[in-house]
PDB file of N, CA and C in Angstrom:
ATOM      1  N   UNK A   1      30.315   4.710  16.550  1.00  0.00           N
ATOM      2  CA  UNK A   1      29.052   4.794  15.798  1.00  0.00           C
ATOM      3  C   UNK A   1      28.440   3.383  15.712  1.00  0.00           C
ATOM      4  N   UNK A   2      27.239   3.233  16.062  1.00  0.00           N
ATOM      5  CA  UNK A   2      26.671   1.924  15.966  1.00  0.00           C
ATOM      6  C   UNK A   2      25.575   1.991  14.870  1.00  0.00           C
ATOM      7  N   UNK A   3      25.440   0.897  14.187  1.00  0.00           N
ATOM      8  CA  UNK A   3      24.455   0.764  13.125  1.00  0.00           C
ATOM      9  C   UNK A   3      23.365  -0.161  13.555  1.00  0.00           C
ATOM     10  N   UNK A   4      22.202   0.204  13.511  1.00  0.00           N
ATOM     11  CA  UNK A   4      21.052  -0.695  13.872  1.00  0.00           C
ATOM     12  C   UNK A   4      20.390  -1.191  12.617  1.00  0.00           C
ATOM     13  N   UNK A   5      19.938  -2.406  12.651  1.00  0.00           N
ATOM     14  CA  UNK A   5      19.192  -2.986  11.551  1.00  0.00           C
ATOM     15  C   UNK A   5      17.785  -2.479  11.551  1.00  0.00           C
ATOM     16  N   UNK A   6      17.279  -1.869  10.441  1.00  0.00           N
ATOM     17  CA  UNK A   6      15.874  -1.456  10.436  1.00  0.00           C
ATOM     18  C   UNK A   6      14.943  -2.565  10.553  1.00  0.00           C
ATOM     19  N   UNK A   7      13.776  -2.429  11.149  1.00  0.00           N
ATOM     20  CA  UNK A   7      12.823  -3.537  11.223  1.00  0.00           C
ATOM     21  C   UNK A   7      12.383  -3.994   9.869  1.00  0.00           C
ATOM     22  N   UNK A   8      12.069  -5.280   9.737  1.00  0.00           N
ATOM     23  CA  UNK A   8      11.727  -5.857   8.446  1.00  0.00           C
ATOM     24  C   UNK A   8      10.160  -5.933   8.509  1.00  0.00           C
ATOM     25  N   UNK A   9       9.550  -5.404   7.445  1.00  0.00           N
ATOM     26  CA  UNK A   9       8.116  -5.455   7.335  1.00  0.00           C
ATOM     27  C   UNK A   9       7.733  -6.738   6.508  1.00  0.00           C
ATOM     28  N   UNK A  10       6.899  -7.566   7.033  1.00  0.00           N
ATOM     29  CA  UNK A  10       6.535  -8.768   6.305  1.00  0.00           C
ATOM     30  C   UNK A  10       5.324  -8.450   5.395  1.00  0.00           C
ATOM     31  N   UNK A  11       5.547  -8.498   4.162  1.00  0.00           N
ATOM     32  CA  UNK A  11       4.447  -8.192   3.105  1.00  0.00           C
ATOM     33  C   UNK A  11       4.324  -9.452   2.237  1.00  0.00           C
ATOM     34  N   UNK A  12       3.124  -9.935   2.232  1.00  0.00           N
ATOM     35  CA  UNK A  12       2.948 -11.152   1.373  1.00  0.00           C
ATOM     36  C   UNK A  12       3.108 -10.820  -0.081  1.00  0.00           C
ATOM     37  N   UNK A  13       3.534 -11.814  -0.716  1.00  0.00           N
ATOM     38  CA  UNK A  13       3.705 -11.556  -2.180  1.00  0.00           C
ATOM     39  C   UNK A  13       2.397 -11.358  -2.898  1.00  0.00           C
ATOM     40  N   UNK A  14       2.488 -10.601  -4.001  1.00  0.00           N
ATOM     41  CA  UNK A  14       1.229 -10.319  -4.830  1.00  0.00           C
ATOM     42  C   UNK A  14       0.711 -11.759  -5.269  1.00  0.00           C
ATOM     43  N   UNK A  15      -0.564 -11.941  -5.407  1.00  0.00           N
ATOM     44  CA  UNK A  15      -1.109 -13.226  -5.757  1.00  0.00           C
ATOM     45  C   UNK A  15      -0.836 -13.753  -7.155  1.00  0.00           C
ATOM     46  N   UNK A  16      -0.284 -12.895  -8.001  1.00  0.00           N
ATOM     47  CA  UNK A  16      -0.059 -13.368  -9.409  1.00  0.00           C
ATOM     48  C   UNK A  16       0.832 -12.439 -10.081  1.00  0.00           C
ATOM     49  N   UNK A  17       1.396 -12.821 -11.270  1.00  0.00           N
ATOM     50  CA  UNK A  17       2.223 -11.966 -12.051  1.00  0.00           C
ATOM     51  C   UNK A  17       1.559 -10.736 -12.574  1.00  0.00           C
ATOM     52  N   UNK A  18       0.202 -10.719 -12.605  1.00  0.00           N
ATOM     53  CA  UNK A  18      -0.480  -9.604 -13.194  1.00  0.00           C
ATOM     54  C   UNK A  18      -1.031  -8.717 -12.080  1.00  0.00           C
ATOM     55  N   UNK A  19      -0.489  -8.873 -10.851  1.00  0.00           N
ATOM     56  CA  UNK A  19      -0.944  -8.044  -9.677  1.00  0.00           C
ATOM     57  C   UNK A  19       0.250  -7.272  -9.117  1.00  0.00           C
ATOM     58  N   UNK A  20      -0.138  -6.185  -8.485  1.00  0.00           N
ATOM     59  CA  UNK A  20       0.800  -5.352  -7.763  1.00  0.00           C
ATOM     60  C   UNK A  20       0.379  -5.041  -6.315  1.00  0.00           C
ATOM     61  N   UNK A  21       1.247  -4.703  -5.474  1.00  0.00           N
ATOM     62  CA  UNK A  21       0.901  -4.282  -4.161  1.00  0.00           C
ATOM     63  C   UNK A  21       1.396  -2.869  -3.996  1.00  0.00           C
ATOM     64  N   UNK A  22       0.515  -2.018  -3.435  1.00  0.00           N
ATOM     65  CA  UNK A  22       0.879  -0.633  -3.151  1.00  0.00           C
ATOM     66  C   UNK A  22       0.704  -0.475  -1.691  1.00  0.00           C
ATOM     67  N   UNK A  23       1.855   0.056  -1.041  1.00  0.00           N
ATOM     68  CA  UNK A  23       1.893   0.259   0.436  1.00  0.00           C
ATOM     69  C   UNK A  23       1.842   1.783   0.691  1.00  0.00           C
ATOM     70  N   UNK A  24       1.041   2.164   1.588  1.00  0.00           N
ATOM     71  CA  UNK A  24       0.956   3.577   2.018  1.00  0.00           C
ATOM     72  C   UNK A  24       1.248   3.604   3.492  1.00  0.00           C
ATOM     73  N   UNK A  25       2.287   4.375   3.877  1.00  0.00           N
ATOM     74  CA  UNK A  25       2.668   4.503   5.295  1.00  0.00           C
ATOM     75  C   UNK A  25       2.788   5.952   5.654  1.00  0.00           C
ATOM     76  N   UNK A  26       2.117   6.324   6.801  1.00  0.00           N
ATOM     77  CA  UNK A  26       2.099   7.703   7.281  1.00  0.00           C
ATOM     78  C   UNK A  26       1.142   7.842   8.410  1.00  0.00           C
ATOM     79  N   UNK A  27       0.822   9.065   8.755  1.00  0.00           N
ATOM     80  CA  UNK A  27      -0.087   9.270   9.852  1.00  0.00           C
ATOM     81  C   UNK A  27      -1.436   8.815   9.427  1.00  0.00           C
ATOM     82  N   UNK A  28      -2.308   8.366  10.277  1.00  0.00           N
ATOM     83  CA  UNK A  28      -3.560   7.908   9.915  1.00  0.00           C
ATOM     84  C   UNK A  28      -4.371   8.873   8.967  1.00  0.00           C
ATOM     85  N   UNK A  29      -4.370  10.168   9.300  1.00  0.00           N
ATOM     86  CA  UNK A  29      -5.027  11.121   8.464  1.00  0.00           C
ATOM     87  C   UNK A  29      -4.414  11.252   7.100  1.00  0.00           C
ATOM     88  N   UNK A  30      -3.092  11.237   7.015  1.00  0.00           N
ATOM     89  CA  UNK A  30      -2.460  11.392   5.695  1.00  0.00           C
ATOM     90  C   UNK A  30      -2.817  10.147   4.853  1.00  0.00           C
ATOM     91  N   UNK A  31      -2.733   8.958   5.444  1.00  0.00           N
ATOM     92  CA  UNK A  31      -3.043   7.748   4.721  1.00  0.00           C
ATOM     93  C   UNK A  31      -4.522   7.715   4.222  1.00  0.00           C
ATOM     94  N   UNK A  32      -5.421   8.110   5.080  1.00  0.00           N
ATOM     95  CA  UNK A  32      -6.804   8.143   4.753  1.00  0.00           C
ATOM     96  C   UNK A  32      -7.076   9.153   3.589  1.00  0.00           C
ATOM     97  N   UNK A  33      -6.471  10.324   3.702  1.00  0.00           N
ATOM     98  CA  UNK A  33      -6.586  11.360   2.619  1.00  0.00           C
ATOM     99  C   UNK A  33      -6.038  10.789   1.251  1.00  0.00           C
ATOM    100  N   UNK A  34      -4.914  10.082   1.300  1.00  0.00           N
ATOM    101  CA  UNK A  34      -4.334   9.498   0.123  1.00  0.00           C
ATOM    102  C   UNK A  34      -5.302   8.486  -0.496  1.00  0.00           C
ATOM    103  N   UNK A  35      -5.818   7.597   0.337  1.00  0.00           N
ATOM    104  CA  UNK A  35      -6.808   6.555  -0.156  1.00  0.00           C
ATOM    105  C   UNK A  35      -8.073   7.207  -0.733  1.00  0.00           C
ATOM    106  N   UNK A  36      -8.640   8.189  -0.108  1.00  0.00           N
ATOM    107  CA  UNK A  36      -9.829   8.790  -0.644  1.00  0.00           C
ATOM    108  C   UNK A  36      -9.524   9.664  -1.878  1.00  0.00           C
ATOM    109  N   UNK A  37      -8.287  10.186  -2.025  1.00  0.00           N
ATOM    110  CA  UNK A  37      -7.948  10.871  -3.209  1.00  0.00           C
ATOM    111  C   UNK A  37      -7.876   9.857  -4.390  1.00  0.00           C
ATOM    112  N   UNK A  38      -7.239   8.663  -4.121  1.00  0.00           N
ATOM    113  CA  UNK A  38      -7.209   7.629  -5.202  1.00  0.00           C
ATOM    114  C   UNK A  38      -8.604   7.173  -5.553  1.00  0.00           C
ATOM    115  N   UNK A  39      -9.497   7.154  -4.587  1.00  0.00           N
ATOM    116  CA  UNK A  39     -10.877   6.769  -4.864  1.00  0.00           C
ATOM    117  C   UNK A  39     -11.561   7.839  -5.736  1.00  0.00           C
ATOM    118  N   UNK A  40     -11.380   9.125  -5.422  1.00  0.00           N
ATOM    119  CA  UNK A  40     -11.950  10.160  -6.212  1.00  0.00           C
ATOM    120  C   UNK A  40     -11.451  10.184  -7.619  1.00  0.00           C
ATOM    121  N   UNK A  41     -10.195   9.789  -7.811  1.00  0.00           N
ATOM    122  CA  UNK A  41      -9.569   9.771  -9.151  1.00  0.00           C
ATOM    123  C   UNK A  41      -9.942   8.538  -9.933  1.00  0.00           C
ATOM    124  N   UNK A  42     -10.645   7.600  -9.240  1.00  0.00           N
ATOM    125  CA  UNK A  42     -11.119   6.378  -9.963  1.00  0.00           C
ATOM    126  C   UNK A  42     -10.114   5.286  -9.971  1.00  0.00           C
ATOM    127  N   UNK A  43      -9.043   5.365  -9.205  1.00  0.00           N
ATOM    128  CA  UNK A  43      -8.023   4.341  -9.290  1.00  0.00           C
ATOM    129  C   UNK A  43      -8.314   3.135  -8.434  1.00  0.00           C
ATOM    130  N   UNK A  44      -8.864   3.307  -7.240  1.00  0.00           N
ATOM    131  CA  UNK A  44      -9.159   2.156  -6.412  1.00  0.00           C
ATOM    132  C   UNK A  44     -10.289   2.573  -5.427  1.00  0.00           C
ATOM    133  N   UNK A  45     -11.194   1.637  -5.267  1.00  0.00           N
ATOM    134  CA  UNK A  45     -12.237   1.809  -4.223  1.00  0.00           C
ATOM    135  C   UNK A  45     -11.553   1.931  -2.898  1.00  0.00           C
ATOM    136  N   UNK A  46     -12.108   2.769  -2.023  1.00  0.00           N
ATOM    137  CA  UNK A  46     -11.549   3.002  -0.641  1.00  0.00           C
ATOM    138  C   UNK A  46     -11.594   1.647   0.169  1.00  0.00           C
ATOM    139  N   UNK A  47     -12.650   0.871  -0.063  1.00  0.00           N
ATOM    140  CA  UNK A  47     -12.900  -0.304   0.725  1.00  0.00           C
ATOM    141  C   UNK A  47     -11.940  -1.470   0.348  1.00  0.00           C
ATOM    142  N   UNK A  48     -11.222  -1.330  -0.809  1.00  0.00           N
ATOM    143  CA  UNK A  48     -10.320  -2.413  -1.179  1.00  0.00           C
ATOM    144  C   UNK A  48      -9.008  -2.433  -0.563  1.00  0.00           C
ATOM    145  N   UNK A  49      -8.699  -1.402   0.256  1.00  0.00           N
ATOM    146  CA  UNK A  49      -7.466  -1.286   0.941  1.00  0.00           C
ATOM    147  C   UNK A  49      -7.491  -2.089   2.224  1.00  0.00           C
ATOM    148  N   UNK A  50      -6.405  -2.596   2.700  1.00  0.00           N
ATOM    149  CA  UNK A  50      -6.331  -3.379   3.936  1.00  0.00           C
ATOM    150  C   UNK A  50      -6.801  -2.490   5.091  1.00  0.00           C
ATOM    151  N   UNK A  51      -7.176  -3.040   6.229  1.00  0.00           N
ATOM    152  CA  UNK A  51      -7.434  -2.299   7.423  1.00  0.00           C
ATOM    153  C   UNK A  51      -6.091  -1.669   7.834  1.00  0.00           C
ATOM    154  N   UNK A  52      -6.077  -0.603   8.660  1.00  0.00           N
ATOM    155  CA  UNK A  52      -4.880   0.051   9.160  1.00  0.00           C
ATOM    156  C   UNK A  52      -4.063  -1.039   9.900  1.00  0.00           C
ATOM    157  N   UNK A  53      -2.780  -1.122   9.613  1.00  0.00           N
ATOM    158  CA  UNK A  53      -1.862  -1.986  10.302  1.00  0.00           C
ATOM    159  C   UNK A  53      -0.815  -1.171  11.041  1.00  0.00           C
ATOM    160  N   UNK A  54      -0.355  -1.671  12.123  1.00  0.00           N
ATOM    161  CA  UNK A  54       0.681  -0.928  12.866  1.00  0.00           C
ATOM    162  C   UNK A  54       2.012  -0.892  12.215  1.00  0.00           C
ATOM    163  N   UNK A  55       2.782   0.058  12.466  1.00  0.00           N
ATOM    164  CA  UNK A  55       4.222   0.086  12.065  1.00  0.00           C
ATOM    165  C   UNK A  55       5.078   0.216  13.220  1.00  0.00           C
ATOM    166  N   UNK A  56       6.378   0.008  13.082  1.00  0.00           N
ATOM    167  CA  UNK A  56       7.334   0.287  14.214  1.00  0.00           C
ATOM    168  C   UNK A  56       7.457   1.691  14.658  1.00  0.00           C
ATOM    169  N   UNK A  57       6.790   2.659  13.902  1.00  0.00           N
ATOM    170  CA  UNK A  57       6.991   4.101  14.146  1.00  0.00           C
ATOM    171  C   UNK A  57       5.703   4.627  14.832  1.00  0.00           C
ATOM    172  N   UNK A  58       5.851   5.245  15.984  1.00  0.00           N
ATOM    173  CA  UNK A  58       4.720   5.791  16.654  1.00  0.00           C
ATOM    174  C   UNK A  58       3.898   6.813  15.796  1.00  0.00           C
ATOM    175  N   UNK A  59       2.625   6.728  15.831  1.00  0.00           N
ATOM    176  CA  UNK A  59       1.792   7.655  15.105  1.00  0.00           C
ATOM    177  C   UNK A  59       1.629   7.415  13.566  1.00  0.00           C
ATOM    178  N   UNK A  60       2.159   6.228  13.089  1.00  0.00           N
ATOM    179  CA  UNK A  60       2.073   5.895  11.744  1.00  0.00           C
ATOM    180  C   UNK A  60       1.349   4.502  11.603  1.00  0.00           C
ATOM    181  N   UNK A  61       0.652   4.420  10.413  1.00  0.00           N
ATOM    182  CA  UNK A  61       0.026   3.141  10.038  1.00  0.00           C
ATOM    183  C   UNK A  61       0.466   2.797   8.656  1.00  0.00           C
ATOM    184  N   UNK A  62       0.073   1.635   8.313  1.00  0.00           N
ATOM    185  CA  UNK A  62       0.376   1.045   6.952  1.00  0.00           C
ATOM    186  C   UNK A  62      -0.919   0.457   6.406  1.00  0.00           C
ATOM    187  N   UNK A  63      -1.233   0.788   5.162  1.00  0.00           N
ATOM    188  CA  UNK A  63      -2.363   0.149   4.464  1.00  0.00           C
ATOM    189  C   UNK A  63      -1.897  -0.322   3.118  1.00  0.00           C
ATOM    190  N   UNK A  64      -2.429  -1.519   2.681  1.00  0.00           N
ATOM    191  CA  UNK A  64      -1.958  -2.147   1.497  1.00  0.00           C
ATOM    192  C   UNK A  64      -3.185  -2.326   0.509  1.00  0.00           C
ATOM    193  N   UNK A  65      -2.837  -2.079  -0.744  1.00  0.00           N
ATOM    194  CA  UNK A  65      -3.909  -2.289  -1.776  1.00  0.00           C
ATOM    195  C   UNK A  65      -3.134  -3.393  -2.723  1.00  0.00           C
ATOM    196  N   UNK A  66      -3.971  -4.436  -3.067  1.00  0.00           N
ATOM    197  CA  UNK A  66      -3.515  -5.385  -4.094  1.00  0.00           C
ATOM    198  C   UNK A  66      -4.428  -5.086  -5.278  1.00  0.00           C
ATOM    199  N   UNK A  67      -3.716  -4.840  -6.456  1.00  0.00           N
ATOM    200  CA  UNK A  67      -4.473  -4.417  -7.580  1.00  0.00           C
ATOM    201  C   UNK A  67      -4.031  -5.290  -8.783  1.00  0.00           C
ATOM    202  N   UNK A  68      -5.044  -5.878  -9.418  1.00  0.00           N
ATOM    203  CA  UNK A  68      -4.790  -6.646 -10.700  1.00  0.00           C
ATOM    204  C   UNK A  68      -4.637  -5.729 -11.825  1.00  0.00           C
ATOM    205  N   UNK A  69      -3.583  -5.863 -12.569  1.00  0.00           N
ATOM    206  CA  UNK A  69      -3.356  -5.045 -13.717  1.00  0.00           C
ATOM    207  C   UNK A  69      -4.054  -5.560 -14.896  1.00  0.00           C
ATOM    208  N   UNK A  70      -4.573  -4.711 -15.800  1.00  0.00           N
ATOM    209  CA  UNK A  70      -5.286  -5.199 -16.983  1.00  0.00           C
ATOM    210  C   UNK A  70      -4.206  -5.628 -18.028  1.00  0.00           C
ATOM    211  N   UNK A  71      -4.671  -6.352 -18.990  1.00  0.00           N
ATOM    212  CA  UNK A  71      -3.740  -6.910 -20.018  1.00  0.00           C
ATOM    213  C   UNK A  71      -3.034  -5.741 -20.729  1.00  0.00           C
ATOM    214  N   UNK A  72      -3.816  -4.624 -20.986  1.00  0.00           N
ATOM    215  CA  UNK A  72      -3.134  -3.473 -21.663  1.00  0.00           C
ATOM    216  C   UNK A  72      -2.049  -2.871 -20.813  1.00  0.00           C
ATOM    217  N   UNK A  73      -2.251  -2.822 -19.516  1.00  0.00           N
ATOM    218  CA  UNK A  73      -1.206  -2.272 -18.597  1.00  0.00           C
ATOM    219  C   UNK A  73       0.078  -3.085 -18.696  1.00  0.00           C
ATOM    220  N   UNK A  74      -0.080  -4.417 -18.781  1.00  0.00           N
ATOM    221  CA  UNK A  74       1.069  -5.340 -18.833  1.00  0.00           C
ATOM    222  C   UNK A  74       1.753  -5.169 -20.165  1.00  0.00           C
ATOM    223  N   UNK A  75       1.043  -4.952 -21.222  1.00  0.00           N
ATOM    224  CA  UNK A  75       1.729  -4.869 -22.542  1.00  0.00           C
ATOM    225  C   UNK A  75       2.432  -3.556 -22.740  1.00  0.00           C
ATOM    226  N   UNK A  76       2.048  -2.501 -21.951  1.00  0.00           N
ATOM    227  CA  UNK A  76       2.693  -1.215 -22.137  1.00  0.00           C
ATOM    228  C   UNK A  76       4.106  -1.201 -21.545  1.00  0.00           C
ATOM    229  N   UNK A  77       4.420  -2.165 -20.680  1.00  0.00           N
ATOM    230  CA  UNK A  77       5.745  -2.151 -19.984  1.00  0.00           C
ATOM    231  C   UNK A  77       6.918  -2.550 -20.887  1.00  0.00           C
TER     232      UNK A  77
END
């Protein structure tokens, strides 16, 4: 039995302690549907997500959202 090392995805660190990064990986249609659902729910504007990025998996993409948390979000932790 051989064990292969999974590929490492290079994700830049969030720009500050009050920021988070959300990664969505899946088929292009599934990722777009998720992003537009988050937009309709008022969580994040669709245009604030990164452009589609390739993944090591055929038929899948990655998109990243960097979101700054409000002071009240940080105090609830």
